[in-house]
C-alpha atoms as a PDB file:
ATOM      1  CA  MET A   1     -17.607  41.192  43.934  1.00  0.00           C
ATOM      2  CA  THR A   2     -20.650  39.290  42.687  1.00  0.00           C
ATOM      3  CA  ARG A   3     -19.212  39.144  39.235  1.00  0.00           C
ATOM      4  CA  ARG A   4     -15.899  37.750  40.743  1.00  0.00           C
ATOM      5  CA  TYR A   5     -17.816  35.085  42.638  1.00  0.00           C
ATOM      6  CA  SER A   6     -19.741  34.074  39.548  1.00  0.00           C
ATOM      7  CA  ILE A   7     -16.595  33.817  37.567  1.00  0.00           C
ATOM      8  CA  ALA A   8     -15.111  31.712  40.141  1.00  0.00           C
ATOM      9  CA  ALA A   9     -18.120  29.480  40.453  1.00  0.00           C
ATOM     10  CA  ILE A  10     -18.276  28.962  36.617  1.00  0.00           C
ATOM     11  CA  PHE A  11     -14.487  28.081  36.917  1.00  0.00           C
ATOM     12  CA  THR A  12     -14.959  25.615  39.625  1.00  0.00           C
ATOM     13  CA  LEU A  13     -17.993  24.135  37.835  1.00  0.00           C
ATOM     14  CA  SER A  14     -15.932  23.523  34.654  1.00  0.00           C
ATOM     15  CA  ILE A  15     -13.302  21.908  36.505  1.00  0.00           C
ATOM     16  CA  LEU A  16     -15.789  19.585  38.273  1.00  0.00           C
ATOM     17  CA  LEU A  17     -17.496  18.774  35.043  1.00  0.00           C
ATOM     18  CA  GLY A  18     -14.097  17.969  33.366  1.00  0.00           C
ATOM     19  CA  SER A  19     -13.150  15.827  36.256  1.00  0.00           C
ATOM     20  CA  TYR A  20     -16.463  14.027  36.120  1.00  0.00           C
ATOM     21  CA  PHE A  21     -16.277  13.321  32.450  1.00  0.00           C
ATOM     22  CA  SER A  22     -12.676  12.170  32.864  1.00  0.00           C
ATOM     23  CA  PHE A  23     -13.763   9.804  35.649  1.00  0.00           C
ATOM     24  CA  ALA A  24     -16.677   8.479  33.602  1.00  0.00           C
ATOM     25  CA  LEU A  25     -14.275   7.661  30.788  1.00  0.00           C
ATOM     26  CA  GLN A  26     -12.008   5.808  33.050  1.00  0.00           C
ATOM     27  CA  VAL A  27     -14.901   3.950  34.586  1.00  0.00           C
ATOM     28  CA  ARG A  28     -16.179   3.030  31.142  1.00  0.00           C
ATOM     29  CA  ALA A  29     -12.839   1.631  30.227  1.00  0.00           C
ATOM     30  CA  GLN A  30     -12.624  -0.352  33.498  1.00  0.00           C
ATOM     31  CA  GLN A  31     -15.994  -1.700  32.957  1.00  0.00           C
ATOM     32  CA  HIS A  32     -15.313  -2.849  29.432  1.00  0.00           C
ATOM     33  CA  PRO A  33     -11.652  -4.071  29.134  1.00  0.00           C
ATOM     34  CA  MET A  34     -10.203  -4.709  25.825  1.00  0.00           C
ATOM     35  CA  THR A  35     -11.399  -7.916  23.990  1.00  0.00           C
ATOM     36  CA  PHE A  36     -10.707  -7.140  20.332  1.00  0.00           C
ATOM     37  CA  PHE A  37      -8.014  -5.426  18.471  1.00  0.00           C
ATOM     38  CA  VAL A  38      -6.098  -5.232  15.048  1.00  0.00           C
ATOM     39  CA  THR A  39      -2.493  -6.249  15.399  1.00  0.00           C
ATOM     40  CA  SER A  40      -0.376  -3.128  15.372  1.00  0.00           C
ATOM     41  CA  VAL A  41       2.489  -4.977  13.545  1.00  0.00           C
ATOM     42  CA  ASN A  42       2.933  -8.044  11.294  1.00  0.00           C
ATOM     43  CA  ILE A  43       4.851 -11.132  11.653  1.00  0.00           C
ATOM     44  CA  GLY A  44       6.910 -10.200   8.590  1.00  0.00           C
ATOM     45  CA  LYS A  45       6.665 -13.537   6.734  1.00  0.00           C
ATOM     46  CA  GLY A  46       3.732 -12.661   4.333  1.00  0.00           C
ATOM     47  CA  GLY A  47       0.982 -15.473   4.712  1.00  0.00           C
ATOM     48  CA  ASP A  48       3.498 -17.743   6.817  1.00  0.00           C
ATOM     49  CA  LEU A  49       2.175 -17.034  10.308  1.00  0.00           C
ATOM     50  CA  GLY A  50       3.306 -20.257  11.783  1.00  0.00           C
ATOM     51  CA  GLY A  51      -0.149 -21.686  11.348  1.00  0.00           C
ATOM     52  CA  LEU A  52      -3.069 -20.854  13.648  1.00  0.00           C
ATOM     53  CA  ALA A  53      -0.842 -21.363  16.721  1.00  0.00           C
ATOM     54  CA  GLY A  54       1.642 -18.731  15.399  1.00  0.00           C
ATOM     55  CA  ALA A  55      -1.004 -16.303  14.785  1.00  0.00           C
ATOM     56  CA  ASP A  56      -2.553 -16.795  18.264  1.00  0.00           C
ATOM     57  CA  ALA A  57       0.821 -16.497  19.896  1.00  0.00           C
ATOM     58  CA  HIS A  58       1.376 -13.147  18.060  1.00  0.00           C
ATOM     59  CA  CYS A  59      -2.072 -11.884  19.420  1.00  0.00           C
ATOM     60  CA  GLN A  60      -1.124 -12.990  22.862  1.00  0.00           C
ATOM     61  CA  THR A  61       2.266 -11.238  22.736  1.00  0.00           C
ATOM     62  CA  LEU A  62       0.770  -7.852  21.559  1.00  0.00           C
ATOM     63  CA  ALA A  63      -1.984  -8.179  24.089  1.00  0.00           C
ATOM     64  CA  THR A  64       0.290  -8.931  27.068  1.00  0.00           C
ATOM     65  CA  ALA A  65       2.518  -5.918  26.091  1.00  0.00           C
ATOM     66  CA  VAL A  66      -0.354  -3.563  26.817  1.00  0.00           C
ATOM     67  CA  GLY A  67      -1.500  -5.307  29.969  1.00  0.00           C
ATOM     68  CA  ALA A  68      -4.414  -7.587  28.474  1.00  0.00           C
ATOM     69  CA  GLY A  69      -2.568 -10.839  28.714  1.00  0.00           C
ATOM     70  CA  ASN A  70      -5.043 -12.150  31.316  1.00  0.00           C
ATOM     71  CA  HIS A  71      -7.332 -13.119  28.437  1.00  0.00           C
ATOM     72  CA  THR A  72      -6.643 -16.052  25.939  1.00  0.00           C
ATOM     73  CA  TRP A  73      -6.359 -14.438  22.437  1.00  0.00           C
ATOM     74  CA  HIS A  74      -7.185 -16.114  19.168  1.00  0.00           C
ATOM     75  CA  ALA A  75      -6.632 -14.824  15.742  1.00  0.00           C
ATOM     76  CA  TYR A  76      -9.710 -14.561  13.627  1.00  0.00           C
ATOM     77  CA  MET A  77      -8.728 -16.888  10.872  1.00  0.00           C
ATOM     78  CA  SER A  78      -9.969 -19.890   9.155  1.00  0.00           C
ATOM     79  CA  THR A  79      -8.075 -23.005   7.782  1.00  0.00           C
ATOM     80  CA  GLN A  80      -9.241 -25.203   5.100  1.00  0.00           C
ATOM     81  CA  ALA A  81      -9.577 -29.030   5.108  1.00  0.00           C
ATOM     82  CA  ARG A  82      -6.141 -30.680   4.200  1.00  0.00           C
ATOM     83  CA  GLY A  83      -5.831 -34.418   4.159  1.00  0.00           C
ATOM     84  CA  ASP A  84      -7.175 -35.890   7.340  1.00  0.00           C
ATOM     85  CA  GLN A  85      -7.247 -32.302   8.986  1.00  0.00           C
ATOM     86  CA  PRO A  86     -10.841 -30.720   9.008  1.00  0.00           C
ATOM     87  CA  ALA A  87     -11.408 -27.165   8.215  1.00  0.00           C
ATOM     88  CA  ILE A  88     -11.612 -24.653  11.252  1.00  0.00           C
ATOM     89  CA  ASN A  89     -14.032 -21.816  11.074  1.00  0.00           C
ATOM     90  CA  ALA A  90     -12.726 -18.423  12.411  1.00  0.00           C
ATOM     91  CA  ARG A  91     -16.152 -17.875  14.032  1.00  0.00           C
ATOM     92  CA  ASP A  92     -15.727 -21.084  16.115  1.00  0.00           C
ATOM     93  CA  ARG A  93     -12.444 -20.049  17.759  1.00  0.00           C
ATOM     94  CA  ILE A  94     -13.108 -16.574  19.107  1.00  0.00           C
ATOM     95  CA  GLY A  95     -15.540 -17.052  21.950  1.00  0.00           C
ATOM     96  CA  GLN A  96     -19.151 -15.922  22.387  1.00  0.00           C
ATOM     97  CA  GLY A  97     -18.641 -12.202  22.970  1.00  0.00           C
ATOM     98  CA  PRO A  98     -19.284  -9.426  23.615  1.00  0.00           C
ATOM     99  CA  TRP A  99     -16.121  -7.822  22.317  1.00  0.00           C
ATOM    100  CA  TYR A 100     -14.689  -4.263  23.086  1.00  0.00           C
ATOM    101  CA  ASN A 101     -11.917  -2.309  21.554  1.00  0.00           C
ATOM    102  CA  ALA A 102      -9.129  -0.582  23.455  1.00  0.00           C
ATOM    103  CA  LYS A 103     -11.296   2.283  24.129  1.00  0.00           C
ATOM    104  CA  GLY A 104     -14.110   0.439  25.579  1.00  0.00           C
ATOM    105  CA  ASP A 105     -16.431   0.534  22.626  1.00  0.00           C
ATOM    106  CA  MET A 106     -18.566  -2.544  21.812  1.00  0.00           C
ATOM    107  CA  ILE A 107     -17.605  -4.197  18.474  1.00  0.00           C
ATOM    108  CA  ALA A 108     -20.249  -6.895  18.556  1.00  0.00           C
ATOM    109  CA  HIS A 109     -22.537  -8.362  21.136  1.00  0.00           C
ATOM    110  CA  ASP A 110     -22.183 -11.945  19.936  1.00  0.00           C
ATOM    111  CA  LEU A 111     -21.296 -14.202  17.037  1.00  0.00           C
ATOM    112  CA  ALA A 112     -24.646 -13.629  15.316  1.00  0.00           C
ATOM    113  CA  ASP A 113     -24.165  -9.717  15.728  1.00  0.00           C
ATOM    114  CA  LEU A 114     -20.715  -9.969  14.558  1.00  0.00           C
ATOM    115  CA  HIS A 115     -21.545 -11.953  11.277  1.00  0.00           C
ATOM    116  CA  GLY A 116     -25.016 -10.605  10.678  1.00  0.00           C
ATOM    117  CA  ASP A 117     -26.608 -14.087  10.922  1.00  0.00           C
ATOM    118  CA  THR A 118     -30.086 -12.695  10.470  1.00  0.00           C
ATOM    119  CA  LEU A 119     -31.393 -10.225   7.971  1.00  0.00           C
ATOM    120  CA  GLU A 120     -32.060  -7.758  10.751  1.00  0.00           C
ATOM    121  CA  LEU A 121     -28.508  -8.254  12.103  1.00  0.00           C
ATOM    122  CA  ALA A 122     -27.061  -7.953   8.666  1.00  0.00           C
ATOM    123  CA  ARG A 123     -29.032  -4.783   7.950  1.00  0.00           C
ATOM    124  CA  LEU A 124     -27.797  -3.141  11.240  1.00  0.00           C
ATOM    125  CA  GLY A 125     -24.196  -4.445  10.947  1.00  0.00           C
ATOM    126  CA  ASN A 126     -21.511  -4.752  13.544  1.00  0.00           C
ATOM    127  CA  ASN A 127     -19.392  -1.986  14.747  1.00  0.00           C
ATOM    128  CA  ILE A 128     -16.117  -2.823  12.956  1.00  0.00           C
ATOM    129  CA  THR A 129     -15.267   0.538  11.333  1.00  0.00           C
ATOM    130  CA  LYS A 130     -12.164   2.608  10.645  1.00  0.00           C
ATOM    131  CA  LEU A 131     -12.796   4.458  13.745  1.00  0.00           C
ATOM    132  CA  SER A 132     -13.429   1.472  15.897  1.00  0.00           C
ATOM    133  CA  ALA A 133     -11.027  -1.340  14.577  1.00  0.00           C
ATOM    134  CA  LEU A 134      -8.284  -0.156  16.701  1.00  0.00           C
ATOM    135  CA  THR A 135      -4.893  -1.749  17.322  1.00  0.00           C
ATOM    136  CA  GLU A 136      -4.062  -3.043  20.866  1.00  0.00           C
ATOM    137  CA  LYS A 137      -2.560   0.401  21.438  1.00  0.00           C
ATOM    138  CA  GLY A 138      -5.752   2.182  20.654  1.00  0.00           C
ATOM    139  CA  GLU A 139      -4.490   3.481  17.359  1.00  0.00           C
ATOM    140  CA  ILE A 140      -6.490   3.788  14.067  1.00  0.00           C
ATOM    141  CA  VAL A 141      -5.289   1.485  11.220  1.00  0.00           C
ATOM    142  CA  PRO A 142      -4.497   3.751   8.141  1.00  0.00           C
ATOM    143  CA  GLY A 143      -7.038   2.983   5.504  1.00  0.00           C
ATOM    144  CA  LEU A 144      -7.837   3.735   1.910  1.00  0.00           C
ATOM    145  CA  ASN A 145      -6.674   7.161   0.577  1.00  0.00           C
ATOM    146  CA  ASP A 146      -4.752   7.853   3.923  1.00  0.00           C
ATOM    147  CA  ASN A 147      -1.291   9.259   2.909  1.00  0.00           C
ATOM    148  CA  PRO A 148      -1.595   7.802  -0.577  1.00  0.00           C
ATOM    149  CA  ASP A 149       1.694   7.383  -2.437  1.00  0.00           C
ATOM    150  CA  PRO A 150       2.415   5.276  -5.568  1.00  0.00           C
ATOM    151  CA  GLN A 151       5.005   3.319  -3.767  1.00  0.00           C
ATOM    152  CA  ASP A 152       2.784   2.219  -0.785  1.00  0.00           C
ATOM    153  CA  ARG A 153       1.997  -1.106  -2.631  1.00  0.00           C
ATOM    154  CA  THR A 154       5.674  -2.165  -2.098  1.00  0.00           C
ATOM    155  CA  TRP A 155       6.755  -3.658   1.282  1.00  0.00           C
ATOM    156  CA  ALA A 156      10.056  -1.625   1.083  1.00  0.00           C
ATOM    157  CA  TYR A 157       7.949   1.618   1.280  1.00  0.00           C
ATOM    158  CA  ALA A 158       5.307   0.305   3.572  1.00  0.00           C
ATOM    159  CA  SER A 159       7.721  -1.021   6.172  1.00  0.00           C
ATOM    160  CA  GLN A 160       9.283   2.366   6.495  1.00  0.00           C
ATOM    161  CA  HIS A 161       5.935   4.413   6.634  1.00  0.00           C
ATOM    162  CA  PRO A 162       3.539   3.118   9.243  1.00  0.00           C
ATOM    163  CA  ASN A 163       0.929   5.696   8.092  1.00  0.00           C
ATOM    164  CA  SER A 164       0.475   4.126   4.749  1.00  0.00           C
ATOM    165  CA  ASN A 165      -2.693   2.274   3.837  1.00  0.00           C
ATOM    166  CA  ARG A 166      -2.649  -1.098   5.464  1.00  0.00           C
ATOM    167  CA  HIS A 167      -6.369  -1.812   5.837  1.00  0.00           C
ATOM    168  CA  GLU A 168      -6.367  -5.522   4.534  1.00  0.00           C
ATOM    169  CA  MET A 169      -6.831  -7.938   7.343  1.00  0.00           C
ATOM    170  CA  LEU A 170      -5.803 -11.658   6.778  1.00  0.00           C
ATOM    171  CA  THR A 171      -8.878 -13.995   7.504  1.00  0.00           C
ATOM    172  CA  GLY A 172      -9.060 -16.845   5.109  1.00  0.00           C
ATOM    173  CA  SER A 173     -12.837 -16.771   5.647  1.00  0.00           C
ATOM    174  CA  GLN A 174     -16.215 -16.221   3.911  1.00  0.00           C
ATOM    175  CA  THR A 175     -18.532 -13.483   5.136  1.00  0.00           C
ATOM    176  CA  ASP A 176     -20.243 -15.865   7.626  1.00  0.00           C
ATOM    177  CA  GLY A 177     -16.839 -16.486   9.316  1.00  0.00           C
ATOM    178  CA  ARG A 178     -16.655 -20.041   7.989  1.00  0.00           C
ATOM    179  CA  ALA A 179     -13.803 -21.766   5.933  1.00  0.00           C
ATOM    180  CA  TYR A 180     -13.883 -21.985   2.160  1.00  0.00           C
ATOM    181  CA  THR A 181     -14.757 -25.585   0.883  1.00  0.00           C
ATOM    182  CA  ASP A 182     -13.476 -25.324  -2.683  1.00  0.00           C
ATOM    183  CA  ASN A 183     -10.000 -26.334  -4.043  1.00  0.00           C
ATOM    184  CA  LYS A 184      -8.522 -22.804  -4.256  1.00  0.00           C
ATOM    185  CA  ASP A 185      -6.081 -21.677  -1.530  1.00  0.00           C
ATOM    186  CA  HIS A 186      -7.672 -19.014   0.544  1.00  0.00           C
ATOM    187  CA  THR A 187      -5.406 -19.342   3.645  1.00  0.00           C
ATOM    188  CA  CYS A 188      -1.754 -19.315   2.211  1.00  0.00           C
ATOM    189  CA  ASN A 189      -1.802 -23.049   2.874  1.00  0.00           C
ATOM    190  CA  ASN A 190      -3.193 -22.767   6.267  1.00  0.00           C
ATOM    191  CA  TRP A 191      -0.986 -19.830   7.189  1.00  0.00           C
ATOM    192  CA  THR A 192       2.271 -21.597   6.553  1.00  0.00           C
ATOM    193  CA  SER A 193       3.076 -20.378   3.200  1.00  0.00           C
ATOM    194  CA  SER A 194       4.981 -17.247   2.006  1.00  0.00           C
ATOM    195  CA  ALA A 195       4.929 -18.378  -1.713  1.00  0.00           C
ATOM    196  CA  ALA A 196       4.693 -15.939  -4.541  1.00  0.00           C
ATOM    197  CA  GLY A 197       1.411 -15.817  -6.463  1.00  0.00           C
ATOM    198  CA  ASN A 198       0.912 -16.653 -10.316  1.00  0.00           C
ATOM    199  CA  GLY A 199      -1.381 -13.837 -11.342  1.00  0.00           C
ATOM    200  CA  SER A 200      -3.246 -10.764 -10.508  1.00  0.00           C
ATOM    201  CA  ILE A 201      -5.641 -10.436  -7.677  1.00  0.00           C
ATOM    202  CA  GLN A 202      -8.657 -11.690  -9.382  1.00  0.00           C
ATOM    203  CA  GLY A 203      -6.911 -14.163 -11.685  1.00  0.00           C
ATOM    204  CA  ASN A 204      -4.577 -15.879  -9.222  1.00  0.00           C
ATOM    205  CA  THR A 205      -5.060 -19.671  -8.965  1.00  0.00           C
ATOM    206  CA  GLY A 206      -2.084 -20.199  -6.717  1.00  0.00           C
ATOM    207  CA  PRO A 207      -1.242 -19.266  -3.266  1.00  0.00           C
ATOM    208  CA  ALA A 208      -3.433 -16.573  -1.839  1.00  0.00           C
ATOM    209  CA  ALA A 209      -5.254 -15.396   1.282  1.00  0.00           C
ATOM    210  CA  GLN A 210      -8.737 -13.981   1.655  1.00  0.00           C
ATOM    211  CA  ILE A 211      -8.753 -10.618   3.333  1.00  0.00           C
ATOM    212  CA  GLY A 212     -11.296  -8.285   4.958  1.00  0.00           C
ATOM    213  CA  LEU A 213     -11.213  -4.552   5.180  1.00  0.00           C
ATOM    214  CA  SER A 214     -10.938  -2.842   8.468  1.00  0.00           C
ATOM    215  CA  ASP A 215     -12.143   0.463   7.158  1.00  0.00           C
ATOM    216  CA  ARG A 216     -14.721  -1.234   5.026  1.00  0.00           C
ATOM    217  CA  ASN A 217     -13.607   0.687   2.072  1.00  0.00           C
ATOM    218  CA  GLY A 218     -12.003  -0.603  -1.053  1.00  0.00           C
ATOM    219  CA  GLY A 219     -12.146  -3.262  -3.681  1.00  0.00           C
ATOM    220  CA  GLY A 220     -14.444  -6.362  -3.548  1.00  0.00           C
ATOM    221  CA  ASN A 221     -17.518  -5.829  -1.498  1.00  0.00           C
ATOM    222  CA  GLY A 222     -16.002  -3.860   1.265  1.00  0.00           C
ATOM    223  CA  SER A 223     -16.569  -6.543   3.832  1.00  0.00           C
ATOM    224  CA  TRP A 224     -14.724  -6.293   7.167  1.00  0.00           C
ATOM    225  CA  ASN A 225     -13.873 -10.086   6.948  1.00  0.00           C
ATOM    226  CA  SER A 226     -14.130 -11.268   3.316  1.00  0.00           C
ATOM    227  CA  SER A 227     -13.592  -8.768   0.588  1.00  0.00           C
ATOM    228  CA  HIS A 228     -11.075 -10.281  -1.937  1.00  0.00           C
ATOM    229  CA  PRO A 229      -8.037 -12.530  -2.187  1.00  0.00           C
ATOM    230  CA  THR A 230      -4.332 -11.319  -2.339  1.00  0.00           C
ATOM    231  CA  ARG A 231      -2.324 -12.047  -5.339  1.00  0.00           C
ATOM    232  CA  GLY A 232       0.018 -14.365  -3.519  1.00  0.00           C
ATOM    233  CA  CYS A 233       1.481 -15.134  -0.094  1.00  0.00           C
ATOM    234  CA  SER A 234       4.806 -13.433  -0.186  1.00  0.00           C
ATOM    235  CA  GLN A 235       5.163 -10.214   1.852  1.00  0.00           C
ATOM    236  CA  GLU A 236       5.440  -8.327  -1.323  1.00  0.00           C
ATOM    237  CA  ASP A 237       2.178  -9.944  -2.663  1.00  0.00           C
ATOM    238  CA  ILE A 238       0.236  -9.068   0.365  1.00  0.00           C
ATOM    239  CA  THR A 239       1.501  -5.611   0.332  1.00  0.00           C
ATOM    240  CA  PHE A 240       0.549  -5.020  -3.225  1.00  0.00           C
ATOM    241  CA  SER A 241      -3.133  -4.666  -2.654  1.00  0.00           C
ATOM    242  CA  HIS A 242      -2.728  -2.494   0.504  1.00  0.00           C
ATOM    243  CA  GLY A 243      -2.101  -4.823   3.266  1.00  0.00           C
ATOM    244  CA  VAL A 244       0.988  -5.718   5.338  1.00  0.00           C
ATOM    245  CA  GLY A 245      -0.226  -8.893   6.937  1.00  0.00           C
ATOM    246  CA  LEU A 246      -2.235  -7.566   9.831  1.00  0.00           C
ATOM    247  CA  PHE A 247      -5.145  -9.459  11.313  1.00  0.00           C
ATOM    248  CA  TYR A 248      -7.995  -9.314  13.982  1.00  0.00           C
ATOM    249  CA  CYS A 249      -7.449 -10.727  17.425  1.00  0.00           C
ATOM    250  CA  PHE A 250     -10.422 -11.634  19.806  1.00  0.00           C
ATOM    251  CA  ALA A 251     -10.410 -12.665  23.402  1.00  0.00           C
ATOM    252  CA  VAL A 252     -11.831 -16.103  23.924  1.00  0.00           C
ATOM    253  CA  ASN A 253     -12.629 -15.475  27.690  1.00  0.00           C
END
C-alpha cells in the first residue's frame, strides 16, 4: 500500500512540475513579446524590396499574421546617400530595445549591445545566433551545411526547398549598423533594383547588397550584419551565395 501511495505521489509531483514549467514558459513569453525576427519568406524580387517602405511593410505584414501587429516594425537596412537624399543608418530606425525573439529570448538589450559599441560589448557579443535568430513563426533559419545540395545556389532549387541554406540577410550596412559612404552600391540602389551583377562576389563593381549571416557562419567575417556583398541584385544573384532575400525585422516600439 505504501509503495502504491509513493508511486502515486511521484506521479502527481511529476504532473505538477510539468504544469509549473509549462506555465513558467507561458509567463515568460507573455512577459517578453516578440520584438525581433527574421522574415520567413522573401519578397521575391531580389534586391528590389520597394525601398525601405516596402521592406518595412513586409515586416509589418508578417508580424501581423502571427499576432504581433500591435508593434511598428522596421527592416534592419541602411540606404546610401543619393543626390539630395541623405544616407539612412539601419541602427537609427529600429528603436532602442530591448529586443526579444519569438521564444521570448533576449537578442540585445539596446543599440550598443546589438552592435558592440564598446570593446567589452564587442567581446561579449549580442545574442543573434542560428538558434536565436528565429522567424516570426519561431522557426530556425537553415544555415551553412544544412541539407547541402549543389543546386541550392539556384533560385529554382531554393524556392522549392525551404530547408536549403538561406542564412544571408540583406542589410546594406557596415558592422556598426551605419550606411556605407563610398561610391559602390551596397544596397541594390537603396532596395529598388533587381539588376544582375557584373562579376563574382568579391569582384563585383556593379549592383550589389551587403549581407549579414544569421548563423554567423560562412564567408567574409561571419558577422550577423555585415559579412560580404552579393554578386548582384537579381533573385538569382542573391541566391548564388546562399541567400534568398530574407532580412531582419525589429519592433520600433
